[in-house]
Amino acid sequence: MVFVHGAGSARWSFEPVRPLLEGSFTVIAIDRRGRGDSSDGDDYRVESEFEDVAGVVRDAGEAALLVGHSYGALIAAGAAQLIDGLPRLVLYEPPMGGALADHATIDRWETLIRDGDRDIMVREFLLHVGGYSDEEIDQLARSPMWERRKAVSPTAPRELRAELAFRLDPAALGTVAAPTLMLLGSESPD
């Protein structure tokens, strides 16, 4: 199983489920561009992320299943269009373009990051994009995960800008032959 994380996180976001799956699957949780072991570039493009993930899935072998969460599900959906013979695809709350944050909010978060106010930025991101309550955010802020989220926070605005401008073509997505499970929660964006 190849796992693709969302904005504001990295491969470590799958640590809670990894032990539950490793008895049945080889689990590959990737770090997308600019996180952990993955390098970054100056020019961010959603399509480059599609190519990155498709390459990992191809390297994992023909039986590799692809699972994406949130922004990672958008990336997984785009990557699936580039992979012949993908056996299964799971998309958990995929934003399909223009749903996560508006320009003014993204501008504010970039300013907060530039000014060193990553705590505020991450709190607002988790509240407005992640759908967490204030109490849940306070609990996360006391966990070791908080520093990890702050460390990757500079990657979120560029991804949110890309998601705002991007529209996944439903006709192209319809060409994916892999059986696909799409999971949505009661609070998922329209």
N, C-alpha and C. Protein backbone atom coordinates (compact mmCIF):
# COMPACT_ATOMS: atom_id res chain seq x y z
N MET A 1 0.85 -1.18 0.00
CA MET A 1 0.00 0.00 0.00
C MET A 1 0.89 1.23 0.00
N VAL A 2 0.64 2.11 -0.92
CA VAL A 2 1.35 3.39 -0.97
C VAL A 2 0.40 4.46 -0.43
N PHE A 3 0.82 5.11 0.65
CA PHE A 3 0.01 6.15 1.30
C PHE A 3 0.53 7.53 0.93
N VAL A 4 -0.40 8.42 0.58
CA VAL A 4 -0.06 9.79 0.21
C VAL A 4 -0.77 10.73 1.19
N HIS A 5 0.01 11.48 1.95
CA HIS A 5 -0.52 12.36 3.00
C HIS A 5 -1.06 13.67 2.43
N GLY A 6 -1.83 14.35 3.25
CA GLY A 6 -2.41 15.62 2.87
C GLY A 6 -1.50 16.80 3.17
N ALA A 7 -2.04 18.00 2.96
CA ALA A 7 -1.30 19.23 3.27
C ALA A 7 -1.15 19.33 4.79
N GLY A 8 -0.09 19.95 5.22
CA GLY A 8 0.11 20.16 6.65
C GLY A 8 0.59 18.93 7.40
N SER A 9 1.01 17.91 6.68
CA SER A 9 1.51 16.70 7.35
C SER A 9 2.61 16.08 6.49
N ALA A 10 2.97 14.86 6.84
CA ALA A 10 4.00 14.11 6.11
C ALA A 10 3.73 12.64 6.36
N ARG A 11 4.67 11.79 6.00
CA ARG A 11 4.44 10.35 6.12
C ARG A 11 4.10 9.94 7.54
N TRP A 12 4.57 10.70 8.52
CA TRP A 12 4.30 10.37 9.91
C TRP A 12 2.80 10.39 10.25
N SER A 13 1.99 11.00 9.41
CA SER A 13 0.54 11.04 9.70
C SER A 13 -0.09 9.65 9.63
N PHE A 14 0.60 8.69 9.00
CA PHE A 14 0.07 7.33 8.90
C PHE A 14 0.61 6.40 9.98
N GLU A 15 1.43 6.92 10.89
CA GLU A 15 1.99 6.08 11.95
C GLU A 15 0.93 5.34 12.78
N PRO A 16 -0.22 5.96 13.09
CA PRO A 16 -1.22 5.23 13.89
C PRO A 16 -1.81 4.00 13.19
N VAL A 17 -1.94 4.02 11.85
CA VAL A 17 -2.56 2.89 11.15
C VAL A 17 -1.54 1.90 10.60
N ARG A 18 -0.32 2.32 10.48
CA ARG A 18 0.71 1.46 9.90
C ARG A 18 0.81 0.10 10.59
N PRO A 19 0.90 0.04 11.93
CA PRO A 19 1.03 -1.27 12.58
C PRO A 19 -0.17 -2.20 12.35
N LEU A 20 -1.34 -1.61 12.09
CA LEU A 20 -2.54 -2.40 11.84
C LEU A 20 -2.54 -3.05 10.47
N LEU A 21 -1.75 -2.51 9.55
CA LEU A 21 -1.73 -2.98 8.17
C LEU A 21 -0.51 -3.82 7.83
N GLU A 22 0.57 -3.66 8.56
CA GLU A 22 1.83 -4.29 8.18
C GLU A 22 1.81 -5.82 8.23
N GLY A 23 0.86 -6.40 8.93
CA GLY A 23 0.75 -7.85 8.91
C GLY A 23 0.23 -8.39 7.60
N SER A 24 -0.47 -7.55 6.83
CA SER A 24 -1.07 -7.98 5.57
C SER A 24 -0.49 -7.29 4.34
N PHE A 25 0.18 -6.16 4.54
CA PHE A 25 0.68 -5.36 3.42
C PHE A 25 2.09 -4.86 3.69
N THR A 26 2.82 -4.61 2.62
CA THR A 26 4.01 -3.79 2.72
C THR A 26 3.50 -2.36 2.65
N VAL A 27 3.81 -1.57 3.66
CA VAL A 27 3.28 -0.21 3.75
C VAL A 27 4.38 0.78 3.38
N ILE A 28 4.08 1.60 2.39
CA ILE A 28 5.00 2.66 1.97
C ILE A 28 4.25 3.98 2.16
N ALA A 29 4.66 4.74 3.15
CA ALA A 29 4.10 6.07 3.39
C ALA A 29 5.14 7.07 2.91
N ILE A 30 4.81 7.83 1.91
CA ILE A 30 5.79 8.73 1.30
C ILE A 30 5.79 10.09 1.99
N ASP A 31 6.90 10.79 1.84
CA ASP A 31 6.98 12.22 2.14
C ASP A 31 6.86 12.94 0.82
N ARG A 32 5.80 13.73 0.67
CA ARG A 32 5.69 14.50 -0.57
C ARG A 32 6.72 15.62 -0.57
N ARG A 33 6.82 16.32 -1.67
CA ARG A 33 7.82 17.36 -1.88
C ARG A 33 7.95 18.32 -0.69
N GLY A 34 9.21 18.53 -0.28
CA GLY A 34 9.50 19.51 0.76
C GLY A 34 9.33 19.01 2.18
N ARG A 35 9.20 17.71 2.36
CA ARG A 35 9.01 17.15 3.70
C ARG A 35 9.95 15.98 3.92
N GLY A 36 10.37 15.80 5.16
CA GLY A 36 11.14 14.62 5.54
C GLY A 36 12.29 14.33 4.60
N ASP A 37 12.25 13.14 4.00
CA ASP A 37 13.33 12.70 3.13
C ASP A 37 13.19 13.16 1.68
N SER A 38 12.14 13.91 1.38
CA SER A 38 11.92 14.33 -0.01
C SER A 38 12.46 15.74 -0.22
N SER A 39 13.11 15.90 -1.35
CA SER A 39 13.64 17.22 -1.70
C SER A 39 12.51 18.10 -2.21
N ASP A 40 12.87 19.31 -2.57
CA ASP A 40 11.88 20.27 -3.02
C ASP A 40 12.47 21.06 -4.17
N GLY A 41 11.65 21.81 -4.83
CA GLY A 41 12.10 22.67 -5.90
C GLY A 41 11.47 24.04 -5.76
N ASP A 42 11.91 24.98 -6.59
CA ASP A 42 11.38 26.34 -6.52
C ASP A 42 10.01 26.46 -7.17
N ASP A 43 9.75 25.63 -8.18
CA ASP A 43 8.52 25.75 -8.96
C ASP A 43 7.58 24.61 -8.59
N TYR A 44 6.56 24.89 -7.78
CA TYR A 44 5.62 23.86 -7.36
C TYR A 44 4.50 23.72 -8.39
N ARG A 45 4.25 22.48 -8.79
CA ARG A 45 3.14 22.17 -9.70
C ARG A 45 2.44 20.92 -9.21
N VAL A 46 1.14 20.91 -9.20
CA VAL A 46 0.37 19.73 -8.81
C VAL A 46 0.74 18.55 -9.70
N GLU A 47 0.91 18.81 -10.98
CA GLU A 47 1.22 17.74 -11.93
C GLU A 47 2.54 17.05 -11.60
N SER A 48 3.50 17.78 -11.04
CA SER A 48 4.77 17.16 -10.64
C SER A 48 4.54 16.17 -9.51
N GLU A 49 3.63 16.51 -8.60
CA GLU A 49 3.29 15.58 -7.51
C GLU A 49 2.63 14.32 -8.08
N PHE A 50 1.77 14.47 -9.10
CA PHE A 50 1.16 13.31 -9.74
C PHE A 50 2.26 12.36 -10.25
N GLU A 51 3.23 12.95 -10.93
CA GLU A 51 4.33 12.15 -11.50
C GLU A 51 5.16 11.49 -10.41
N ASP A 52 5.42 12.21 -9.31
CA ASP A 52 6.18 11.64 -8.18
C ASP A 52 5.50 10.40 -7.64
N VAL A 53 4.21 10.53 -7.36
CA VAL A 53 3.47 9.42 -6.76
C VAL A 53 3.33 8.26 -7.74
N ALA A 54 3.07 8.55 -8.99
CA ALA A 54 2.99 7.48 -9.99
C ALA A 54 4.30 6.70 -10.04
N GLY A 55 5.42 7.40 -9.96
CA GLY A 55 6.72 6.74 -9.96
C GLY A 55 6.91 5.82 -8.76
N VAL A 56 6.49 6.27 -7.58
CA VAL A 56 6.60 5.43 -6.38
C VAL A 56 5.74 4.19 -6.52
N VAL A 57 4.52 4.35 -7.01
CA VAL A 57 3.62 3.20 -7.17
C VAL A 57 4.20 2.22 -8.18
N ARG A 58 4.71 2.71 -9.29
CA ARG A 58 5.33 1.81 -10.28
C ARG A 58 6.51 1.05 -9.66
N ASP A 59 7.34 1.75 -8.88
CA ASP A 59 8.49 1.11 -8.24
C ASP A 59 8.06 0.09 -7.19
N ALA A 60 6.89 0.29 -6.59
CA ALA A 60 6.40 -0.63 -5.56
C ALA A 60 5.94 -1.96 -6.16
N GLY A 61 5.65 -1.98 -7.44
CA GLY A 61 5.26 -3.22 -8.11
C GLY A 61 3.81 -3.22 -8.55
N GLU A 62 3.49 -4.18 -9.40
CA GLU A 62 2.18 -4.19 -10.05
C GLU A 62 1.01 -4.44 -9.10
N ALA A 63 1.26 -4.96 -7.91
CA ALA A 63 0.18 -5.20 -6.95
C ALA A 63 -0.05 -4.03 -6.00
N ALA A 64 0.70 -2.93 -6.19
CA ALA A 64 0.61 -1.80 -5.27
C ALA A 64 -0.76 -1.14 -5.30
N LEU A 65 -1.31 -0.93 -4.12
CA LEU A 65 -2.55 -0.19 -3.94
C LEU A 65 -2.20 1.24 -3.60
N LEU A 66 -3.00 2.19 -4.04
CA LEU A 66 -2.73 3.60 -3.81
C LEU A 66 -3.82 4.19 -2.92
N VAL A 67 -3.40 4.83 -1.82
CA VAL A 67 -4.31 5.42 -0.84
C VAL A 67 -3.91 6.87 -0.61
N GLY A 68 -4.83 7.80 -0.79
CA GLY A 68 -4.54 9.21 -0.55
C GLY A 68 -5.53 9.81 0.41
N HIS A 69 -5.02 10.70 1.27
CA HIS A 69 -5.87 11.40 2.24
C HIS A 69 -5.86 12.90 1.96
N SER A 70 -7.04 13.50 1.90
CA SER A 70 -7.22 14.93 1.74
C SER A 70 -6.46 15.43 0.50
N TYR A 71 -5.56 16.39 0.65
CA TYR A 71 -4.81 16.88 -0.51
C TYR A 71 -4.05 15.73 -1.16
N GLY A 72 -3.60 14.78 -0.35
CA GLY A 72 -2.93 13.58 -0.89
C GLY A 72 -3.86 12.74 -1.74
N ALA A 73 -5.17 12.80 -1.47
CA ALA A 73 -6.14 12.08 -2.30
C ALA A 73 -6.29 12.75 -3.66
N LEU A 74 -6.21 14.08 -3.68
CA LEU A 74 -6.20 14.79 -4.96
C LEU A 74 -4.97 14.35 -5.76
N ILE A 75 -3.82 14.28 -5.08
CA ILE A 75 -2.59 13.86 -5.75
C ILE A 75 -2.71 12.41 -6.22
N ALA A 76 -3.26 11.54 -5.38
CA ALA A 76 -3.42 10.12 -5.75
C ALA A 76 -4.36 9.98 -6.95
N ALA A 77 -5.43 10.76 -6.98
CA ALA A 77 -6.36 10.70 -8.11
C ALA A 77 -5.67 11.11 -9.41
N GLY A 78 -4.85 12.16 -9.35
CA GLY A 78 -4.11 12.57 -10.53
C GLY A 78 -3.07 11.55 -10.94
N ALA A 79 -2.38 10.97 -9.95
CA ALA A 79 -1.36 9.95 -10.24
C ALA A 79 -1.99 8.70 -10.85
N ALA A 80 -3.18 8.34 -10.39
CA ALA A 80 -3.85 7.13 -10.89
C ALA A 80 -4.07 7.20 -12.40
N GLN A 81 -4.23 8.40 -12.93
CA GLN A 81 -4.42 8.56 -14.37
C GLN A 81 -3.15 8.23 -15.15
N LEU A 82 -2.01 8.20 -14.46
CA LEU A 82 -0.72 7.95 -15.11
C LEU A 82 -0.23 6.51 -14.92
N ILE A 83 -0.99 5.70 -14.20
CA ILE A 83 -0.55 4.35 -13.85
C ILE A 83 -1.41 3.32 -14.56
N ASP A 84 -0.82 2.56 -15.47
CA ASP A 84 -1.53 1.47 -16.14
C ASP A 84 -1.60 0.27 -15.19
N GLY A 85 -2.76 -0.32 -15.07
CA GLY A 85 -2.91 -1.55 -14.29
C GLY A 85 -2.96 -1.36 -12.79
N LEU A 86 -3.25 -0.16 -12.31
CA LEU A 86 -3.39 0.06 -10.87
C LEU A 86 -4.51 -0.84 -10.35
N PRO A 87 -4.24 -1.71 -9.37
CA PRO A 87 -5.27 -2.66 -8.94
C PRO A 87 -6.38 -2.04 -8.09
N ARG A 88 -6.06 -1.04 -7.27
CA ARG A 88 -7.07 -0.42 -6.40
C ARG A 88 -6.65 1.00 -6.07
N LEU A 89 -7.64 1.85 -5.83
CA LEU A 89 -7.42 3.24 -5.47
C LEU A 89 -8.37 3.60 -4.34
N VAL A 90 -7.84 4.23 -3.29
CA VAL A 90 -8.66 4.71 -2.18
C VAL A 90 -8.42 6.21 -2.03
N LEU A 91 -9.50 6.99 -2.06
CA LEU A 91 -9.44 8.44 -1.93
C LEU A 91 -10.27 8.83 -0.71
N TYR A 92 -9.60 9.34 0.32
CA TYR A 92 -10.29 9.74 1.54
C TYR A 92 -10.37 11.26 1.60
N GLU A 93 -11.58 11.79 1.45
CA GLU A 93 -11.88 13.21 1.44
C GLU A 93 -11.01 14.00 0.46
N PRO A 94 -11.07 13.64 -0.82
CA PRO A 94 -10.25 14.37 -1.79
C PRO A 94 -10.86 15.71 -2.18
N PRO A 95 -10.12 16.81 -2.05
CA PRO A 95 -10.61 18.07 -2.62
C PRO A 95 -10.32 18.02 -4.11
N MET A 96 -11.29 18.29 -4.91
CA MET A 96 -11.08 18.17 -6.35
C MET A 96 -10.87 19.52 -7.02
N GLY A 97 -10.50 20.50 -6.20
CA GLY A 97 -10.15 21.81 -6.75
C GLY A 97 -11.01 22.92 -6.21
N GLY A 98 -10.36 23.95 -5.64
CA GLY A 98 -11.04 25.16 -5.23
C GLY A 98 -11.85 25.08 -3.96
N ALA A 99 -11.57 24.12 -3.08
CA ALA A 99 -12.44 23.92 -1.91
C ALA A 99 -11.79 24.23 -0.57
N LEU A 100 -10.49 24.29 -0.47
CA LEU A 100 -9.85 24.28 0.85
C LEU A 100 -9.67 25.64 1.51
N ALA A 101 -9.21 26.64 0.77
CA ALA A 101 -8.97 27.97 1.37
C ALA A 101 -8.99 29.03 0.27
N ASP A 102 -9.39 30.24 0.65
CA ASP A 102 -9.42 31.33 -0.33
C ASP A 102 -8.08 32.08 -0.31
N HIS A 103 -7.91 32.97 -1.28
CA HIS A 103 -6.64 33.70 -1.43
C HIS A 103 -6.29 34.52 -0.19
N ALA A 104 -7.27 35.19 0.40
CA ALA A 104 -6.99 36.04 1.57
C ALA A 104 -6.49 35.20 2.75
N THR A 105 -7.08 34.04 2.94
CA THR A 105 -6.64 33.16 4.03
C THR A 105 -5.23 32.65 3.78
N ILE A 106 -4.96 32.26 2.56
CA ILE A 106 -3.61 31.78 2.21
C ILE A 106 -2.59 32.90 2.39
N ASP A 107 -2.94 34.12 1.97
CA ASP A 107 -2.05 35.26 2.17
C ASP A 107 -1.74 35.45 3.65
N ARG A 108 -2.77 35.36 4.48
CA ARG A 108 -2.58 35.52 5.93
C ARG A 108 -1.63 34.45 6.46
N TRP A 109 -1.80 33.21 6.04
CA TRP A 109 -0.95 32.13 6.54
C TRP A 109 0.48 32.29 6.08
N GLU A 110 0.68 32.77 4.87
CA GLU A 110 2.05 33.04 4.41
C GLU A 110 2.70 34.12 5.26
N THR A 111 1.94 35.15 5.60
CA THR A 111 2.46 36.21 6.46
C THR A 111 2.80 35.68 7.85
N LEU A 112 1.93 34.87 8.41
CA LEU A 112 2.20 34.29 9.72
C LEU A 112 3.47 33.45 9.71
N ILE A 113 3.65 32.64 8.67
CA ILE A 113 4.86 31.81 8.56
C ILE A 113 6.09 32.70 8.43
N ARG A 114 6.02 33.71 7.58
CA ARG A 114 7.14 34.62 7.36
C ARG A 114 7.51 35.36 8.66
N ASP A 115 6.48 35.68 9.47
CA ASP A 115 6.71 36.41 10.73
C ASP A 115 7.05 35.49 11.90
N GLY A 116 7.15 34.19 11.63
CA GLY A 116 7.52 33.25 12.69
C GLY A 116 6.37 32.83 13.58
N ASP A 117 5.13 33.06 13.15
CA ASP A 117 3.95 32.70 13.94
C ASP A 117 3.35 31.39 13.45
N ARG A 118 4.17 30.35 13.40
CA ARG A 118 3.70 29.06 12.89
C ARG A 118 2.64 28.43 13.79
N ASP A 119 2.70 28.68 15.10
CA ASP A 119 1.66 28.14 15.99
C ASP A 119 0.28 28.62 15.56
N ILE A 120 0.16 29.91 15.32
CA ILE A 120 -1.13 30.48 14.91
C ILE A 120 -1.54 29.92 13.55
N MET A 121 -0.57 29.86 12.63
CA MET A 121 -0.88 29.37 11.29
C MET A 121 -1.41 27.93 11.36
N VAL A 122 -0.71 27.07 12.09
CA VAL A 122 -1.13 25.67 12.17
C VAL A 122 -2.49 25.55 12.85
N ARG A 123 -2.71 26.33 13.90
CA ARG A 123 -4.02 26.31 14.57
C ARG A 123 -5.14 26.68 13.59
N GLU A 124 -4.94 27.77 12.85
CA GLU A 124 -5.96 28.21 11.90
C GLU A 124 -6.15 27.19 10.77
N PHE A 125 -5.06 26.63 10.29
CA PHE A 125 -5.13 25.61 9.24
C PHE A 125 -5.94 24.42 9.72
N LEU A 126 -5.63 23.92 10.91
CA LEU A 126 -6.36 22.75 11.43
C LEU A 126 -7.83 23.06 11.69
N LEU A 127 -8.12 24.28 12.11
CA LEU A 127 -9.51 24.68 12.37
C LEU A 127 -10.29 24.83 11.06
N HIS A 128 -9.73 25.57 10.11
CA HIS A 128 -10.48 25.93 8.90
C HIS A 128 -10.38 24.90 7.78
N VAL A 129 -9.24 24.25 7.64
CA VAL A 129 -9.07 23.26 6.57
C VAL A 129 -9.28 21.85 7.12
N GLY A 130 -8.68 21.57 8.27
CA GLY A 130 -8.76 20.23 8.84
C GLY A 130 -10.08 19.92 9.52
N GLY A 131 -10.82 20.96 9.92
CA GLY A 131 -12.12 20.74 10.56
C GLY A 131 -12.02 20.32 12.02
N TYR A 132 -10.87 20.55 12.65
CA TYR A 132 -10.70 20.20 14.06
C TYR A 132 -11.37 21.25 14.93
N SER A 133 -11.81 20.82 16.12
CA SER A 133 -12.36 21.76 17.10
C SER A 133 -11.20 22.40 17.86
N ASP A 134 -11.49 23.50 18.57
CA ASP A 134 -10.46 24.16 19.38
C ASP A 134 -9.89 23.19 20.42
N GLU A 135 -10.74 22.37 21.01
CA GLU A 135 -10.29 21.41 22.02
C GLU A 135 -9.34 20.37 21.41
N GLU A 136 -9.68 19.89 20.22
CA GLU A 136 -8.81 18.92 19.54
C GLU A 136 -7.47 19.54 19.17
N ILE A 137 -7.51 20.80 18.75
CA ILE A 137 -6.27 21.50 18.40
C ILE A 137 -5.41 21.69 19.64
N ASP A 138 -6.02 22.06 20.76
CA ASP A 138 -5.27 22.20 22.02
C ASP A 138 -4.61 20.89 22.40
N GLN A 139 -5.31 19.79 22.21
CA GLN A 139 -4.74 18.48 22.52
C GLN A 139 -3.56 18.17 21.59
N LEU A 140 -3.73 18.44 20.30
CA LEU A 140 -2.63 18.24 19.35
C LEU A 140 -1.42 19.12 19.69
N ALA A 141 -1.69 20.34 20.13
CA ALA A 141 -0.60 21.27 20.46
C ALA A 141 0.26 20.75 21.62
N ARG A 142 -0.29 19.88 22.44
CA ARG A 142 0.46 19.30 23.55
C ARG A 142 1.15 18.00 23.17
N SER A 143 0.98 17.55 21.94
CA SER A 143 1.56 16.28 21.51
C SER A 143 2.87 16.51 20.77
N PRO A 144 3.69 15.45 20.63
CA PRO A 144 4.93 15.58 19.85
C PRO A 144 4.66 15.90 18.38
N MET A 145 3.47 15.62 17.90
CA MET A 145 3.11 15.86 16.51
C MET A 145 3.09 17.37 16.18
N TRP A 146 2.89 18.21 17.18
CA TRP A 146 2.75 19.64 16.95
C TRP A 146 3.99 20.24 16.27
N GLU A 147 5.15 19.91 16.78
CA GLU A 147 6.38 20.45 16.20
C GLU A 147 6.57 19.96 14.76
N ARG A 148 6.14 18.73 14.49
CA ARG A 148 6.22 18.22 13.12
C ARG A 148 5.32 19.03 12.19
N ARG A 149 4.12 19.33 12.65
CA ARG A 149 3.20 20.11 11.83
C ARG A 149 3.75 21.52 11.58
N LYS A 150 4.31 22.13 12.60
CA LYS A 150 4.90 23.46 12.43
C LYS A 150 6.06 23.42 11.44
N ALA A 151 6.85 22.36 11.47
CA ALA A 151 8.01 22.25 10.58
C ALA A 151 7.59 22.19 9.11
N VAL A 152 6.47 21.52 8.80
CA VAL A 152 6.04 21.40 7.40
C VAL A 152 5.07 22.49 6.98
N SER A 153 4.71 23.40 7.90
CA SER A 153 3.71 24.42 7.59
C SER A 153 4.03 25.28 6.37
N PRO A 154 5.31 25.57 6.05
CA PRO A 154 5.56 26.39 4.85
C PRO A 154 5.13 25.74 3.54
N THR A 155 4.92 24.42 3.52
CA THR A 155 4.49 23.78 2.28
C THR A 155 2.99 23.93 2.04
N ALA A 156 2.23 24.21 3.09
CA ALA A 156 0.77 24.26 2.96
C ALA A 156 0.26 25.39 2.06
N PRO A 157 0.73 26.63 2.22
CA PRO A 157 0.17 27.69 1.37
C PRO A 157 0.32 27.44 -0.13
N ARG A 158 1.48 26.96 -0.55
CA ARG A 158 1.66 26.74 -1.99
C ARG A 158 0.71 25.64 -2.49
N GLU A 159 0.49 24.62 -1.67
CA GLU A 159 -0.42 23.55 -2.07
C GLU A 159 -1.85 24.05 -2.09
N LEU A 160 -2.21 24.88 -1.13
CA LEU A 160 -3.56 25.43 -1.11
C LEU A 160 -3.79 26.36 -2.30
N ARG A 161 -2.77 27.12 -2.69
CA ARG A 161 -2.89 27.96 -3.89
C ARG A 161 -3.06 27.09 -5.14
N ALA A 162 -2.29 26.02 -5.19
CA ALA A 162 -2.39 25.11 -6.34
C ALA A 162 -3.76 24.45 -6.38
N GLU A 163 -4.26 24.03 -5.22
CA GLU A 163 -5.57 23.38 -5.15
C GLU A 163 -6.68 24.36 -5.53
N LEU A 164 -6.53 25.62 -5.13
CA LEU A 164 -7.52 26.64 -5.45
C LEU A 164 -7.62 26.86 -6.96
N ALA A 165 -6.49 26.79 -7.63
CA ALA A 165 -6.46 27.04 -9.08
C ALA A 165 -6.72 25.79 -9.91
N PHE A 166 -6.62 24.62 -9.29
CA PHE A 166 -6.67 23.36 -10.03
C PHE A 166 -8.08 22.79 -10.06
N ARG A 167 -8.45 22.20 -11.17
CA ARG A 167 -9.70 21.45 -11.28
C ARG A 167 -9.36 20.09 -11.87
N LEU A 168 -9.65 19.04 -11.14
CA LEU A 168 -9.42 17.69 -11.65
C LEU A 168 -10.52 17.40 -12.68
N ASP A 169 -10.13 17.07 -13.86
CA ASP A 169 -11.06 16.83 -14.95
C ASP A 169 -11.83 15.53 -14.70
N PRO A 170 -13.14 15.61 -14.45
CA PRO A 170 -13.91 14.39 -14.19
C PRO A 170 -13.85 13.38 -15.33
N ALA A 171 -13.79 13.86 -16.56
CA ALA A 171 -13.72 12.94 -17.70
C ALA A 171 -12.40 12.18 -17.68
N ALA A 172 -11.31 12.86 -17.35
CA ALA A 172 -10.01 12.19 -17.28
C ALA A 172 -9.99 11.21 -16.10
N LEU A 173 -10.57 11.61 -15.00
CA LEU A 173 -10.64 10.71 -13.84
C LEU A 173 -11.46 9.48 -14.19
N GLY A 174 -12.44 9.64 -15.05
CA GLY A 174 -13.26 8.52 -15.47
C GLY A 174 -12.51 7.48 -16.29
N THR A 175 -11.31 7.81 -16.74
CA THR A 175 -10.51 6.85 -17.49
C THR A 175 -9.74 5.90 -16.59
N VAL A 176 -9.72 6.17 -15.28
CA VAL A 176 -9.02 5.30 -14.34
C VAL A 176 -9.80 4.00 -14.23
N ALA A 177 -9.16 2.90 -14.59
CA ALA A 177 -9.84 1.61 -14.60
C ALA A 177 -9.86 0.93 -13.23
N ALA A 178 -9.01 1.38 -12.33
CA ALA A 178 -8.92 0.74 -11.01
C ALA A 178 -10.21 0.91 -10.23
N PRO A 179 -10.69 -0.17 -9.59
CA PRO A 179 -11.81 0.00 -8.67
C PRO A 179 -11.41 1.04 -7.61
N THR A 180 -12.29 2.00 -7.38
CA THR A 180 -11.97 3.13 -6.51
C THR A 180 -12.98 3.24 -5.38
N LEU A 181 -12.45 3.38 -4.18
CA LEU A 181 -13.27 3.63 -3.00
C LEU A 181 -13.04 5.08 -2.60
N MET A 182 -14.10 5.89 -2.61
CA MET A 182 -13.98 7.26 -2.16
C MET A 182 -14.74 7.38 -0.85
N LEU A 183 -14.04 7.86 0.16
CA LEU A 183 -14.61 8.01 1.49
C LEU A 183 -14.79 9.50 1.80
N LEU A 184 -15.98 9.85 2.26
CA LEU A 184 -16.29 11.20 2.64
C LEU A 184 -16.91 11.19 4.03
N GLY A 185 -16.60 12.22 4.81
CA GLY A 185 -17.19 12.34 6.13
C GLY A 185 -18.35 13.30 6.11
N SER A 186 -19.09 13.37 7.19
CA SER A 186 -20.25 14.23 7.25
C SER A 186 -19.88 15.71 7.17
N GLU A 187 -18.62 16.05 7.45
CA GLU A 187 -18.17 17.44 7.40
C GLU A 187 -17.28 17.71 6.19
N SER A 188 -17.25 16.79 5.22
CA SER A 188 -16.41 16.97 4.04
C SER A 188 -16.87 18.19 3.23
N PRO A 189 -15.92 18.88 2.57
CA PRO A 189 -16.33 19.98 1.68
C PRO A 189 -17.23 19.47 0.57
N ASP A 190 -18.12 20.33 0.09
CA ASP A 190 -19.00 19.95 -1.01
C ASP A 190 -18.20 19.51 -2.22
